[in-house]
Amino acid sequence: MAFYLRRAQQCQVSITREEAAAIIVCLARTFPALARAPLDPWSSSVLDAWAAQPRLVEQRLAAQFVLSIWNQDQPWRCGRFNPELAHVWNGANGRAFAEWARCPWWL
Protein backbone atom coordinates (compact mmCIF):
# COMPACT_ATOMS: atom_id res chain seq x y z
CA MET A 1 0.00 0.00 0.00
CA ALA A 2 1.39 3.39 -0.97
CA PHE A 3 1.29 6.26 1.49
CA TYR A 4 1.12 9.91 0.56
CA LEU A 5 1.07 13.04 2.64
CA ARG A 6 -1.54 15.24 0.98
CA ARG A 7 -2.55 18.82 1.55
CA ALA A 8 -5.72 20.38 0.20
CA GLN A 9 -5.23 21.39 -3.45
CA GLN A 10 -1.47 20.90 -3.30
CA CYS A 11 0.93 18.22 -4.44
CA GLN A 12 1.32 15.00 -2.55
CA VAL A 13 4.55 13.56 -1.24
CA SER A 14 5.26 9.84 -1.23
CA ILE A 15 6.25 8.56 2.22
CA THR A 16 6.94 5.15 3.75
CA ARG A 17 4.48 3.34 6.00
CA GLU A 18 6.85 3.94 8.92
CA GLU A 19 6.90 7.69 8.20
CA ALA A 20 3.10 7.72 7.90
CA ALA A 21 2.78 5.88 11.22
CA ALA A 22 5.12 8.34 12.97
CA ILE A 23 3.18 11.30 11.56
CA ILE A 24 -0.23 9.95 12.60
CA VAL A 25 1.00 9.09 16.12
CA CYS A 26 2.34 12.65 16.48
CA LEU A 27 -1.07 14.00 15.46
CA ALA A 28 -2.89 11.65 17.84
CA ARG A 29 -0.69 12.69 20.75
CA THR A 30 -1.80 16.31 20.35
CA PHE A 31 -5.24 15.22 21.64
CA PRO A 32 -5.32 14.78 25.43
CA ALA A 33 -8.45 12.66 24.92
CA LEU A 34 -6.16 10.00 23.40
CA ALA A 35 -3.60 10.06 26.23
CA ARG A 36 -4.47 6.48 27.23
CA ALA A 37 -5.19 5.20 23.73
CA PRO A 38 -3.03 2.42 22.26
CA LEU A 39 -0.96 4.47 19.81
CA ASP A 40 2.52 2.95 19.86
CA PRO A 41 3.23 0.88 17.91
CA TRP A 42 0.73 2.35 15.46
CA SER A 43 -2.12 0.10 14.41
CA SER A 44 -5.26 1.65 12.99
CA SER A 45 -7.23 -1.52 13.76
CA VAL A 46 -6.13 -1.46 17.42
CA LEU A 47 -7.13 2.21 17.81
CA ASP A 48 -10.42 1.46 16.05
CA ALA A 49 -11.17 -1.44 18.41
CA TRP A 50 -10.26 0.72 21.42
CA ALA A 51 -12.53 3.55 20.26
CA ALA A 52 -15.39 1.15 19.46
CA GLN A 53 -15.58 0.25 23.18
CA PRO A 54 -17.56 2.48 25.56
CA ARG A 55 -15.58 5.74 25.66
CA LEU A 56 -16.12 9.38 26.50
CA VAL A 57 -17.43 11.28 23.49
CA GLU A 58 -14.19 13.31 23.36
CA GLN A 59 -12.13 10.12 23.16
CA ARG A 60 -14.25 8.50 20.46
CA LEU A 61 -14.38 11.71 18.42
CA ALA A 62 -10.59 12.18 18.61
CA ALA A 63 -10.01 8.57 17.55
CA GLN A 64 -12.51 8.93 14.69
CA PHE A 65 -10.72 12.08 13.56
CA VAL A 66 -7.26 10.49 13.63
CA LEU A 67 -8.54 7.41 11.81
CA SER A 68 -10.19 9.61 9.17
CA ILE A 69 -6.82 11.25 8.52
CA TRP A 70 -5.20 7.81 8.24
CA ASN A 71 -7.84 6.46 5.82
CA GLN A 72 -10.97 8.46 5.15
CA ASP A 73 -12.52 5.68 3.04
CA GLN A 74 -12.28 2.90 5.65
CA PRO A 75 -15.56 2.00 7.39
CA TRP A 76 -14.22 2.17 10.96
CA ARG A 77 -15.97 0.14 13.67
CA CYS A 78 -15.97 3.17 15.95
CA GLY A 79 -17.84 5.18 13.32
CA ARG A 80 -17.02 7.97 10.90
CA PHE A 81 -15.73 11.33 12.04
CA ASN A 82 -18.42 14.00 11.89
CA PRO A 83 -16.79 17.46 11.78
CA GLU A 84 -20.06 19.02 12.93
CA LEU A 85 -19.38 17.47 16.35
CA ALA A 86 -15.95 19.09 16.72
CA HIS A 87 -17.60 21.76 18.91
CA VAL A 88 -17.71 19.25 21.79
CA TRP A 89 -13.96 19.54 22.14
CA ASN A 90 -12.77 22.21 24.49
CA GLY A 91 -9.38 23.20 25.76
CA ALA A 92 -6.40 21.32 24.37
CA ASN A 93 -8.50 18.94 22.25
CA GLY A 94 -10.17 21.86 20.51
CA ARG A 95 -6.79 23.55 19.99
CA ALA A 96 -5.33 20.37 18.50
CA PHE A 97 -8.15 20.18 15.97
CA ALA A 98 -7.94 23.93 15.22
CA GLU A 99 -4.19 23.62 14.61
CA TRP A 100 -4.74 20.83 12.09
CA ALA A 101 -7.61 22.76 10.46
CA ARG A 102 -5.35 25.79 9.87
CA CYS A 103 -3.33 23.72 7.40
CA PRO A 104 -5.16 20.42 6.85
CA TRP A 105 -3.47 17.30 5.55
CA TRP A 106 -4.35 13.64 5.05
CA LEU A 107 -2.51 10.36 4.57
PDB file of N, CA and C in Angstrom:
ATOM      1  N   MET A   1       0.844  -1.168   0.000  1.00  0.00           N
ATOM      2  CA  MET A   1       0.000   0.000   0.000  1.00  0.00           C
ATOM      3  C   MET A   1       0.894   1.238   0.000  1.00  0.00           C
ATOM      4  N   ALA A   2       0.624   2.141  -0.897  1.00  0.00           N
ATOM      5  CA  ALA A   2       1.391   3.389  -0.972  1.00  0.00           C
ATOM      6  C   ALA A   2       0.829   4.401   0.009  1.00  0.00           C
ATOM      7  N   PHE A   3       1.702   5.205   0.583  1.00  0.00           N
ATOM      8  CA  PHE A   3       1.287   6.263   1.489  1.00  0.00           C
ATOM      9  C   PHE A   3       1.716   7.594   0.913  1.00  0.00           C
ATOM     10  N   TYR A   4       0.841   8.562   1.034  1.00  0.00           N
ATOM     11  CA  TYR A   4       1.116   9.912   0.556  1.00  0.00           C
ATOM     12  C   TYR A   4       0.682  10.897   1.622  1.00  0.00           C
ATOM     13  N   LEU A   5       1.460  11.927   1.795  1.00  0.00           N
ATOM     14  CA  LEU A   5       1.073  13.045   2.639  1.00  0.00           C
ATOM     15  C   LEU A   5       0.456  14.058   1.692  1.00  0.00           C
ATOM     16  N   ARG A   6      -0.815  14.360   1.885  1.00  0.00           N
ATOM     17  CA  ARG A   6      -1.541  15.241   0.977  1.00  0.00           C
ATOM     18  C   ARG A   6      -2.053  16.465   1.718  1.00  0.00           C
ATOM     19  N   ARG A   7      -1.962  17.585   1.054  1.00  0.00           N
ATOM     20  CA  ARG A   7      -2.553  18.821   1.552  1.00  0.00           C
ATOM     21  C   ARG A   7      -3.623  19.246   0.568  1.00  0.00           C
ATOM     22  N   ALA A   8      -4.615  19.947   1.055  1.00  0.00           N
ATOM     23  CA  ALA A   8      -5.715  20.384   0.196  1.00  0.00           C
ATOM     24  C   ALA A   8      -5.185  21.163  -1.000  1.00  0.00           C
ATOM     25  N   GLN A   9      -5.543  20.716  -2.194  1.00  0.00           N
ATOM     26  CA  GLN A   9      -5.229  21.388  -3.454  1.00  0.00           C
ATOM     27  C   GLN A   9      -3.736  21.638  -3.644  1.00  0.00           C
ATOM     28  N   GLN A  10      -2.906  20.792  -3.106  1.00  0.00           N
ATOM     29  CA  GLN A  10      -1.469  20.902  -3.305  1.00  0.00           C
ATOM     30  C   GLN A  10      -0.931  19.531  -3.678  1.00  0.00           C
ATOM     31  N   CYS A  11       0.320  19.495  -4.043  1.00  0.00           N
ATOM     32  CA  CYS A  11       0.930  18.220  -4.435  1.00  0.00           C
ATOM     33  C   CYS A  11       0.978  17.264  -3.258  1.00  0.00           C
ATOM     34  N   GLN A  12       1.158  16.005  -3.584  1.00  0.00           N
ATOM     35  CA  GLN A  12       1.316  15.001  -2.553  1.00  0.00           C
ATOM     36  C   GLN A  12       2.737  14.484  -2.562  1.00  0.00           C
ATOM     37  N   VAL A  13       3.188  14.050  -1.417  1.00  0.00           N
ATOM     38  CA  VAL A  13       4.552  13.560  -1.241  1.00  0.00           C
ATOM     39  C   VAL A  13       4.472  12.093  -0.847  1.00  0.00           C
ATOM     40  N   SER A  14       5.210  11.258  -1.547  1.00  0.00           N
ATOM     41  CA  SER A  14       5.258   9.844  -1.229  1.00  0.00           C
ATOM     42  C   SER A  14       6.088   9.643   0.035  1.00  0.00           C
ATOM     43  N   ILE A  15       5.552   8.860   0.982  1.00  0.00           N
ATOM     44  CA  ILE A  15       6.254   8.560   2.225  1.00  0.00           C
ATOM     45  C   ILE A  15       6.131   7.072   2.514  1.00  0.00           C
ATOM     46  N   THR A  16       6.997   6.560   3.373  1.00  0.00           N
ATOM     47  CA  THR A  16       6.939   5.149   3.753  1.00  0.00           C
ATOM     48  C   THR A  16       5.839   4.927   4.789  1.00  0.00           C
ATOM     49  N   ARG A  17       5.480   3.667   4.988  1.00  0.00           N
ATOM     50  CA  ARG A  17       4.481   3.340   6.001  1.00  0.00           C
ATOM     51  C   ARG A  17       4.986   3.759   7.380  1.00  0.00           C
ATOM     52  N   GLU A  18       6.264   3.570   7.625  1.00  0.00           N
ATOM     53  CA  GLU A  18       6.846   3.944   8.920  1.00  0.00           C
ATOM     54  C   GLU A  18       6.750   5.452   9.141  1.00  0.00           C
ATOM     55  N   GLU A  19       7.023   6.228   8.097  1.00  0.00           N
ATOM     56  CA  GLU A  19       6.896   7.690   8.205  1.00  0.00           C
ATOM     57  C   GLU A  19       5.444   8.086   8.437  1.00  0.00           C
ATOM     58  N   ALA A  20       4.530   7.432   7.717  1.00  0.00           N
ATOM     59  CA  ALA A  20       3.104   7.720   7.901  1.00  0.00           C
ATOM     60  C   ALA A  20       2.666   7.401   9.322  1.00  0.00           C
ATOM     61  N   ALA A  21       3.132   6.266   9.851  1.00  0.00           N
ATOM     62  CA  ALA A  21       2.783   5.880  11.221  1.00  0.00           C
ATOM     63  C   ALA A  21       3.315   6.893  12.227  1.00  0.00           C
ATOM     64  N   ALA A  22       4.540   7.346  12.045  1.00  0.00           N
ATOM     65  CA  ALA A  22       5.122   8.336  12.965  1.00  0.00           C
ATOM     66  C   ALA A  22       4.338   9.648  12.910  1.00  0.00           C
ATOM     67  N   ILE A  23       3.941  10.050  11.722  1.00  0.00           N
ATOM     68  CA  ILE A  23       3.183  11.296  11.557  1.00  0.00           C
ATOM     69  C   ILE A  23       1.821  11.194  12.228  1.00  0.00           C
ATOM     70  N   ILE A  24       1.117  10.073  12.031  1.00  0.00           N
ATOM     71  CA  ILE A  24      -0.228   9.945  12.600  1.00  0.00           C
ATOM     72  C   ILE A  24      -0.172   9.834  14.121  1.00  0.00           C
ATOM     73  N   VAL A  25       0.850   9.183  14.656  1.00  0.00           N
ATOM     74  CA  VAL A  25       0.999   9.092  16.119  1.00  0.00           C
ATOM     75  C   VAL A  25       1.270  10.480  16.694  1.00  0.00           C
ATOM     76  N   CYS A  26       2.093  11.272  16.015  1.00  0.00           N
ATOM     77  CA  CYS A  26       2.337  12.655  16.475  1.00  0.00           C
ATOM     78  C   CYS A  26       1.039  13.451  16.506  1.00  0.00           C
ATOM     79  N   LEU A  27       0.227  13.313  15.473  1.00  0.00           N
ATOM     80  CA  LEU A  27      -1.073  14.001  15.461  1.00  0.00           C
ATOM     81  C   LEU A  27      -1.940  13.516  16.616  1.00  0.00           C
ATOM     82  N   ALA A  28      -2.047  12.211  16.777  1.00  0.00           N
ATOM     83  CA  ALA A  28      -2.894  11.651  17.836  1.00  0.00           C
ATOM     84  C   ALA A  28      -2.475  12.132  19.213  1.00  0.00           C
ATOM     85  N   ARG A  29      -1.186  12.265  19.429  1.00  0.00           N
ATOM     86  CA  ARG A  29      -0.690  12.695  20.746  1.00  0.00           C
ATOM     87  C   ARG A  29      -0.984  14.156  21.046  1.00  0.00           C
ATOM     88  N   THR A  30      -1.410  14.921  20.071  1.00  0.00           N
ATOM     89  CA  THR A  30      -1.797  16.313  20.348  1.00  0.00           C
ATOM     90  C   THR A  30      -3.172  16.382  21.008  1.00  0.00           C
ATOM     91  N   PHE A  31      -3.903  15.272  21.028  1.00  0.00           N
ATOM     92  CA  PHE A  31      -5.236  15.219  21.644  1.00  0.00           C
ATOM     93  C   PHE A  31      -5.142  14.583  23.025  1.00  0.00           C
ATOM     94  N   PRO A  32      -5.333  15.366  24.088  1.00  0.00           N
ATOM     95  CA  PRO A  32      -5.324  14.785  25.434  1.00  0.00           C
ATOM     96  C   PRO A  32      -6.352  13.663  25.593  1.00  0.00           C
ATOM     97  N   ALA A  33      -7.432  13.703  24.838  1.00  0.00           N
ATOM     98  CA  ALA A  33      -8.446  12.657  24.920  1.00  0.00           C
ATOM     99  C   ALA A  33      -7.881  11.288  24.542  1.00  0.00           C
ATOM    100  N   LEU A  34      -6.770  11.265  23.819  1.00  0.00           N
ATOM    101  CA  LEU A  34      -6.156  10.002  23.401  1.00  0.00           C
ATOM    102  C   LEU A  34      -4.927   9.642  24.235  1.00  0.00           C
ATOM    103  N   ALA A  35      -4.776  10.289  25.386  1.00  0.00           N
ATOM    104  CA  ALA A  35      -3.595  10.061  26.226  1.00  0.00           C
ATOM    105  C   ALA A  35      -3.440   8.596  26.628  1.00  0.00           C
ATOM    106  N   ARG A  36      -4.531   7.884  26.815  1.00  0.00           N
ATOM    107  CA  ARG A  36      -4.466   6.476  27.230  1.00  0.00           C
ATOM    108  C   ARG A  36      -4.793   5.517  26.093  1.00  0.00           C
ATOM    109  N   ALA A  37      -4.886   6.042  24.891  1.00  0.00           N
ATOM    110  CA  ALA A  37      -5.190   5.202  23.727  1.00  0.00           C
ATOM    111  C   ALA A  37      -3.953   4.412  23.308  1.00  0.00           C
ATOM    112  N   PRO A  38      -4.156   3.237  22.731  1.00  0.00           N
ATOM    113  CA  PRO A  38      -3.028   2.419  22.257  1.00  0.00           C
ATOM    114  C   PRO A  38      -2.502   2.967  20.929  1.00  0.00           C
ATOM    115  N   LEU A  39      -1.469   3.792  21.004  1.00  0.00           N
ATOM    116  CA  LEU A  39      -0.956   4.468  19.813  1.00  0.00           C
ATOM    117  C   LEU A  39       0.387   3.937  19.327  1.00  0.00           C
ATOM    118  N   ASP A  40       1.168   3.343  20.219  1.00  0.00           N
ATOM    119  CA  ASP A  40       2.520   2.946  19.857  1.00  0.00           C
ATOM    120  C   ASP A  40       2.758   1.497  20.266  1.00  0.00           C
ATOM    121  N   PRO A  41       3.031   0.609  19.334  1.00  0.00           N
ATOM    122  CA  PRO A  41       3.228   0.876  17.909  1.00  0.00           C
ATOM    123  C   PRO A  41       1.889   1.166  17.226  1.00  0.00           C
ATOM    124  N   TRP A  42       1.952   1.937  16.150  1.00  0.00           N
ATOM    125  CA  TRP A  42       0.732   2.353  15.457  1.00  0.00           C
ATOM    126  C   TRP A  42       0.037   1.168  14.793  1.00  0.00           C
ATOM    127  N   SER A  43      -1.248   1.064  15.076  1.00  0.00           N
ATOM    128  CA  SER A  43      -2.117   0.097  14.407  1.00  0.00           C
ATOM    129  C   SER A  43      -3.497   0.731  14.336  1.00  0.00           C
ATOM    130  N   SER A  44      -3.944   1.043  13.139  1.00  0.00           N
ATOM    131  CA  SER A  44      -5.263   1.652  12.995  1.00  0.00           C
ATOM    132  C   SER A  44      -6.352   0.717  13.503  1.00  0.00           C
ATOM    133  N   SER A  45      -6.198  -0.582  13.302  1.00  0.00           N
ATOM    134  CA  SER A  45      -7.228  -1.524  13.759  1.00  0.00           C
ATOM    135  C   SER A  45      -7.284  -1.590  15.282  1.00  0.00           C
ATOM    136  N   VAL A  46      -6.153  -1.452  15.951  1.00  0.00           N
ATOM    137  CA  VAL A  46      -6.129  -1.456  17.422  1.00  0.00           C
ATOM    138  C   VAL A  46      -6.797  -0.187  17.954  1.00  0.00           C
ATOM    139  N   LEU A  47      -6.474   0.968  17.372  1.00  0.00           N
ATOM    140  CA  LEU A  47      -7.128   2.206  17.806  1.00  0.00           C
ATOM    141  C   LEU A  47      -8.625   2.145  17.530  1.00  0.00           C
ATOM    142  N   ASP A  48      -9.013   1.601  16.387  1.00  0.00           N
ATOM    143  CA  ASP A  48     -10.418   1.461  16.049  1.00  0.00           C
ATOM    144  C   ASP A  48     -11.141   0.593  17.074  1.00  0.00           C
ATOM    145  N   ALA A  49     -10.553  -0.546  17.414  1.00  0.00           N
ATOM    146  CA  ALA A  49     -11.171  -1.439  18.408  1.00  0.00           C
ATOM    147  C   ALA A  49     -11.279  -0.754  19.763  1.00  0.00           C
ATOM    148  N   TRP A  50     -10.239  -0.026  20.154  1.00  0.00           N
ATOM    149  CA  TRP A  50     -10.255   0.717  21.421  1.00  0.00           C
ATOM    150  C   TRP A  50     -11.391   1.740  21.421  1.00  0.00           C
ATOM    151  N   ALA A  51     -11.517   2.491  20.335  1.00  0.00           N
ATOM    152  CA  ALA A  51     -12.526   3.545  20.255  1.00  0.00           C
ATOM    153  C   ALA A  51     -13.938   2.988  20.103  1.00  0.00           C
ATOM    154  N   ALA A  52     -14.068   1.762  19.621  1.00  0.00           N
ATOM    155  CA  ALA A  52     -15.392   1.149  19.464  1.00  0.00           C
ATOM    156  C   ALA A  52     -15.971   0.687  20.799  1.00  0.00           C
ATOM    157  N   GLN A  53     -15.127   0.600  21.828  1.00  0.00           N
ATOM    158  CA  GLN A  53     -15.577   0.254  23.179  1.00  0.00           C
ATOM    159  C   GLN A  53     -16.241   1.484  23.804  1.00  0.00           C
ATOM    160  N   PRO A  54     -16.982   1.303  24.891  1.00  0.00           N
ATOM    161  CA  PRO A  54     -17.560   2.477  25.557  1.00  0.00           C
ATOM    162  C   PRO A  54     -16.462   3.471  25.956  1.00  0.00           C
ATOM    163  N   ARG A  55     -16.569   4.680  25.436  1.00  0.00           N
ATOM    164  CA  ARG A  55     -15.585   5.742  25.661  1.00  0.00           C
ATOM    165  C   ARG A  55     -16.314   7.054  25.866  1.00  0.00           C
ATOM    166  N   LEU A  56     -15.597   8.017  26.440  1.00  0.00           N
ATOM    167  CA  LEU A  56     -16.122   9.376  26.499  1.00  0.00           C
ATOM    168  C   LEU A  56     -16.252   9.893  25.073  1.00  0.00           C
ATOM    169  N   VAL A  57     -17.209  10.772  24.843  1.00  0.00           N
ATOM    170  CA  VAL A  57     -17.428  11.280  23.491  1.00  0.00           C
ATOM    171  C   VAL A  57     -16.178  11.963  22.941  1.00  0.00           C
ATOM    172  N   GLU A  58     -15.420  12.643  23.807  1.00  0.00           N
ATOM    173  CA  GLU A  58     -14.194  13.308  23.363  1.00  0.00           C
ATOM    174  C   GLU A  58     -13.167  12.290  22.868  1.00  0.00           C
ATOM    175  N   GLN A  59     -13.077  11.157  23.553  1.00  0.00           N
ATOM    176  CA  GLN A  59     -12.132  10.117  23.155  1.00  0.00           C
ATOM    177  C   GLN A  59     -12.526   9.492  21.818  1.00  0.00           C
ATOM    178  N   ARG A  60     -13.797   9.129  21.704  1.00  0.00           N
ATOM    179  CA  ARG A  60     -14.248   8.502  20.458  1.00  0.00           C
ATOM    180  C   ARG A  60     -14.100   9.470  19.287  1.00  0.00           C
ATOM    181  N   LEU A  61     -14.474  10.719  19.488  1.00  0.00           N
ATOM    182  CA  LEU A  61     -14.378  11.712  18.420  1.00  0.00           C
ATOM    183  C   LEU A  61     -12.927  11.929  17.991  1.00  0.00           C
ATOM    184  N   ALA A  62     -12.015  11.999  18.947  1.00  0.00           N
ATOM    185  CA  ALA A  62     -10.594  12.178  18.615  1.00  0.00           C
ATOM    186  C   ALA A  62     -10.072  10.968  17.842  1.00  0.00           C
ATOM    187  N   ALA A  63     -10.439   9.771  18.267  1.00  0.00           N
ATOM    188  CA  ALA A  63     -10.013   8.565  17.545  1.00  0.00           C
ATOM    189  C   ALA A  63     -10.606   8.541  16.142  1.00  0.00           C
ATOM    190  N   GLN A  64     -11.880   8.876  16.015  1.00  0.00           N
ATOM    191  CA  GLN A  64     -12.508   8.926  14.691  1.00  0.00           C
ATOM    192  C   GLN A  64     -11.795   9.926  13.789  1.00  0.00           C
ATOM    193  N   PHE A  65     -11.429  11.075  14.349  1.00  0.00           N
ATOM    194  CA  PHE A  65     -10.722  12.085  13.565  1.00  0.00           C
ATOM    195  C   PHE A  65      -9.381  11.553  13.076  1.00  0.00           C
ATOM    196  N   VAL A  66      -8.584  11.010  13.995  1.00  0.00           N
ATOM    197  CA  VAL A  66      -7.263  10.492  13.629  1.00  0.00           C
ATOM    198  C   VAL A  66      -7.400   9.382  12.586  1.00  0.00           C
ATOM    199  N   LEU A  67      -8.342   8.484  12.776  1.00  0.00           N
ATOM    200  CA  LEU A  67      -8.543   7.407  11.809  1.00  0.00           C
ATOM    201  C   LEU A  67      -8.995   7.949  10.455  1.00  0.00           C
ATOM    202  N   SER A  68      -9.766   9.024  10.447  1.00  0.00           N
ATOM    203  CA  SER A  68     -10.187   9.614   9.169  1.00  0.00           C
ATOM    204  C   SER A  68      -9.011  10.234   8.425  1.00  0.00           C
ATOM    205  N   ILE A  69      -8.033  10.719   9.157  1.00  0.00           N
ATOM    206  CA  ILE A  69      -6.825  11.248   8.523  1.00  0.00           C
ATOM    207  C   ILE A  69      -5.989  10.098   7.971  1.00  0.00           C
ATOM    208  N   TRP A  70      -5.947   8.991   8.686  1.00  0.00           N
ATOM    209  CA  TRP A  70      -5.202   7.813   8.243  1.00  0.00           C
ATOM    210  C   TRP A  70      -5.818   7.216   6.979  1.00  0.00           C
ATOM    211  N   ASN A  71      -7.150   7.041   6.980  1.00  0.00           N
ATOM    212  CA  ASN A  71      -7.840   6.458   5.821  1.00  0.00           C
ATOM    213  C   ASN A  71      -9.300   6.891   5.868  1.00  0.00           C
ATOM    214  N   GLN A  72      -9.619   7.906   5.108  1.00  0.00           N
ATOM    215  CA  GLN A  72     -10.974   8.462   5.153  1.00  0.00           C
ATOM    216  C   GLN A  72     -12.011   7.558   4.497  1.00  0.00           C
ATOM    217  N   ASP A  73     -11.586   6.564   3.737  1.00  0.00           N
ATOM    218  CA  ASP A  73     -12.523   5.678   3.041  1.00  0.00           C
ATOM    219  C   ASP A  73     -12.833   4.390   3.804  1.00  0.00           C
ATOM    220  N   GLN A  74     -12.097   4.129   4.861  1.00  0.00           N
ATOM    221  CA  GLN A  74     -12.282   2.903   5.647  1.00  0.00           C
ATOM    222  C   GLN A  74     -13.548   3.011   6.499  1.00  0.00           C
ATOM    223  N   PRO A  75     -14.393   1.980   6.488  1.00  0.00           N
ATOM    224  CA  PRO A  75     -15.564   1.996   7.392  1.00  0.00           C
ATOM    225  C   PRO A  75     -15.159   1.552   8.797  1.00  0.00           C
ATOM    226  N   TRP A  76     -14.724   2.480   9.622  1.00  0.00           N
ATOM    227  CA  TRP A  76     -14.220   2.175  10.961  1.00  0.00           C
ATOM    228  C   TRP A  76     -15.329   1.657  11.868  1.00  0.00           C
ATOM    229  N   ARG A  77     -14.999   0.690  12.706  1.00  0.00           N
ATOM    230  CA  ARG A  77     -15.967   0.139  13.670  1.00  0.00           C
ATOM    231  C   ARG A  77     -16.455   1.199  14.639  1.00  0.00           C
ATOM    232  N   CYS A  78     -15.595   2.133  14.988  1.00  0.00           N
ATOM    233  CA  CYS A  78     -15.967   3.174  15.954  1.00  0.00           C
ATOM    234  C   CYS A  78     -16.825   4.270  15.320  1.00  0.00           C
ATOM    235  N   GLY A  79     -17.012   4.202  14.015  1.00  0.00           N
ATOM    236  CA  GLY A  79     -17.843   5.185  13.318  1.00  0.00           C
ATOM    237  C   GLY A  79     -17.013   6.202  12.554  1.00  0.00           C
ATOM    238  N   ARG A  80     -17.680   6.945  11.706  1.00  0.00           N
ATOM    239  CA  ARG A  80     -17.025   7.966  10.896  1.00  0.00           C
ATOM    240  C   ARG A  80     -16.937   9.275  11.672  1.00  0.00           C
ATOM    241  N   PHE A  81     -15.885  10.025  11.424  1.00  0.00           N
ATOM    242  CA  PHE A  81     -15.727  11.332  12.041  1.00  0.00           C
ATOM    243  C   PHE A  81     -16.742  12.296  11.447  1.00  0.00           C
ATOM    244  N   ASN A  82     -17.454  12.989  12.311  1.00  0.00           N
ATOM    245  CA  ASN A  82     -18.419  13.997  11.894  1.00  0.00           C
ATOM    246  C   ASN A  82     -17.885  15.360  12.336  1.00  0.00           C
ATOM    247  N   PRO A  83     -17.381  16.170  11.389  1.00  0.00           N
ATOM    248  CA  PRO A  83     -16.790  17.457  11.775  1.00  0.00           C
ATOM    249  C   PRO A  83     -17.776  18.401  12.449  1.00  0.00           C
ATOM    250  N   GLU A  84     -19.065  18.176  12.268  1.00  0.00           N
ATOM    251  CA  GLU A  84     -20.062  19.019  12.931  1.00  0.00           C
ATOM    252  C   GLU A  84     -20.065  18.817  14.437  1.00  0.00           C
ATOM    253  N   LEU A  85     -19.458  17.735  14.911  1.00  0.00           N
ATOM    254  CA  LEU A  85     -19.380  17.470  16.352  1.00  0.00           C
ATOM    255  C   LEU A  85     -18.105  17.996  16.984  1.00  0.00           C
ATOM    256  N   ALA A  86     -17.228  18.595  16.190  1.00  0.00           N
ATOM    257  CA  ALA A  86     -15.953  19.095  16.720  1.00  0.00           C
ATOM    258  C   ALA A  86     -16.161  20.140  17.815  1.00  0.00           C
ATOM    259  N   HIS A  87     -17.335  20.741  17.872  1.00  0.00           N
ATOM    260  CA  HIS A  87     -17.597  21.757  18.906  1.00  0.00           C
ATOM    261  C   HIS A  87     -17.601  21.163  20.320  1.00  0.00           C
ATOM    262  N   VAL A  88     -17.716  19.835  20.446  1.00  0.00           N
ATOM    263  CA  VAL A  88     -17.714  19.248  21.791  1.00  0.00           C
ATOM    264  C   VAL A  88     -16.340  19.283  22.422  1.00  0.00           C
ATOM    265  N   TRP A  89     -15.303  19.437  21.595  1.00  0.00           N
ATOM    266  CA  TRP A  89     -13.958  19.535  22.136  1.00  0.00           C
ATOM    267  C   TRP A  89     -13.748  20.912  22.746  1.00  0.00           C
ATOM    268  N   ASN A  90     -13.151  20.933  23.905  1.00  0.00           N
ATOM    269  CA  ASN A  90     -12.768  22.215  24.493  1.00  0.00           C
ATOM    270  C   ASN A  90     -11.303  22.122  24.886  1.00  0.00           C
ATOM    271  N   GLY A  91     -10.756  23.209  25.281  1.00  0.00           N
ATOM    272  CA  GLY A  91      -9.377  23.204  25.756  1.00  0.00           C
ATOM    273  C   GLY A  91      -8.396  22.671  24.737  1.00  0.00           C
ATOM    274  N   ALA A  92      -7.493  21.819  25.201  1.00  0.00           N
ATOM    275  CA  ALA A  92      -6.405  21.322  24.368  1.00  0.00           C
ATOM    276  C   ALA A  92      -6.886  20.474  23.202  1.00  0.00           C
ATOM    277  N   ASN A  93      -7.976  19.724  23.369  1.00  0.00           N
ATOM    278  CA  ASN A  93      -8.498  18.935  22.249  1.00  0.00           C
ATOM    279  C   ASN A  93      -8.994  19.851  21.139  1.00  0.00           C
ATOM    280  N   GLY A  94      -9.699  20.892  21.494  1.00  0.00           N
ATOM    281  CA  GLY A  94     -10.165  21.863  20.506  1.00  0.00           C
ATOM    282  C   GLY A  94      -9.015  22.570  19.819  1.00  0.00           C
ATOM    283  N   ARG A  95      -7.974  22.900  20.588  1.00  0.00           N
ATOM    284  CA  ARG A  95      -6.793  23.554  19.994  1.00  0.00           C
ATOM    285  C   ARG A  95      -6.054  22.616  19.042  1.00  0.00           C
ATOM    286  N   ALA A  96      -5.986  21.336  19.380  1.00  0.00           N
ATOM    287  CA  ALA A  96      -5.328  20.365  18.497  1.00  0.00           C
ATOM    288  C   ALA A  96      -6.054  20.284  17.163  1.00  0.00           C
ATOM    289  N   PHE A  97      -7.372  20.225  17.209  1.00  0.00           N
ATOM    290  CA  PHE A  97      -8.148  20.179  15.967  1.00  0.00           C
ATOM    291  C   PHE A  97      -8.002  21.488  15.192  1.00  0.00           C
ATOM    292  N   ALA A  98      -8.066  22.619  15.883  1.00  0.00           N
ATOM    293  CA  ALA A  98      -7.936  23.926  15.223  1.00  0.00           C
ATOM    294  C   ALA A  98      -6.571  24.066  14.557  1.00  0.00           C
ATOM    295  N   GLU A  99      -5.533  23.562  15.196  1.00  0.00           N
ATOM    296  CA  GLU A  99      -4.188  23.621  14.613  1.00  0.00           C
ATOM    297  C   GLU A  99      -4.141  22.821  13.315  1.00  0.00           C
ATOM    298  N   TRP A 100      -4.695  21.624  13.314  1.00  0.00           N
ATOM    299  CA  TRP A 100      -4.743  20.826  12.094  1.00  0.00           C
ATOM    300  C   TRP A 100      -5.573  21.550  11.028  1.00  0.00           C
ATOM    301  N   ALA A 101      -6.699  22.120  11.416  1.00  0.00           N
ATOM    302  CA  ALA A 101      -7.606  22.765  10.465  1.00  0.00           C
ATOM    303  C   ALA A 101      -6.983  23.995   9.818  1.00  0.00           C
ATOM    304  N   ARG A 102      -6.017  24.640  10.467  1.00  0.00           N
ATOM    305  CA  ARG A 102      -5.352  25.795   9.874  1.00  0.00           C
ATOM    306  C   ARG A 102      -4.583  25.419   8.601  1.00  0.00           C
ATOM    307  N   CYS A 103      -4.078  24.206   8.577  1.00  0.00           N
ATOM    308  CA  CYS A 103      -3.326  23.722   7.405  1.00  0.00           C
ATOM    309  C   CYS A 103      -3.583  22.216   7.295  1.00  0.00           C
ATOM    310  N   PRO A 104      -4.776  21.841   6.832  1.00  0.00           N
ATOM    311  CA  PRO A 104      -5.162  20.420   6.853  1.00  0.00           C
ATOM    312  C   PRO A 104      -4.327  19.551   5.924  1.00  0.00           C
ATOM    313  N   TRP A 105      -4.194  18.305   6.333  1.00  0.00           N
ATOM    314  CA  TRP A 105      -3.469  17.304   5.549  1.00  0.00           C
ATOM    315  C   TRP A 105      -4.094  15.939   5.832  1.00  0.00           C
ATOM    316  N   TRP A 106      -3.841  15.000   4.930  1.00  0.00           N
ATOM    317  CA  TRP A 106      -4.349  13.639   5.048  1.00  0.00           C
ATOM    318  C   TRP A 106      -3.263  12.678   4.608  1.00  0.00           C
ATOM    319  N   LEU A 107      -3.407  11.435   5.031  1.00  0.00           N
ATOM    320  CA  LEU A 107      -2.508  10.363   4.574  1.00  0.00           C
ATOM    321  C   LEU A 107      -3.271   9.494   3.590  1.00  0.00           C
TER     322      LEU A 107
END
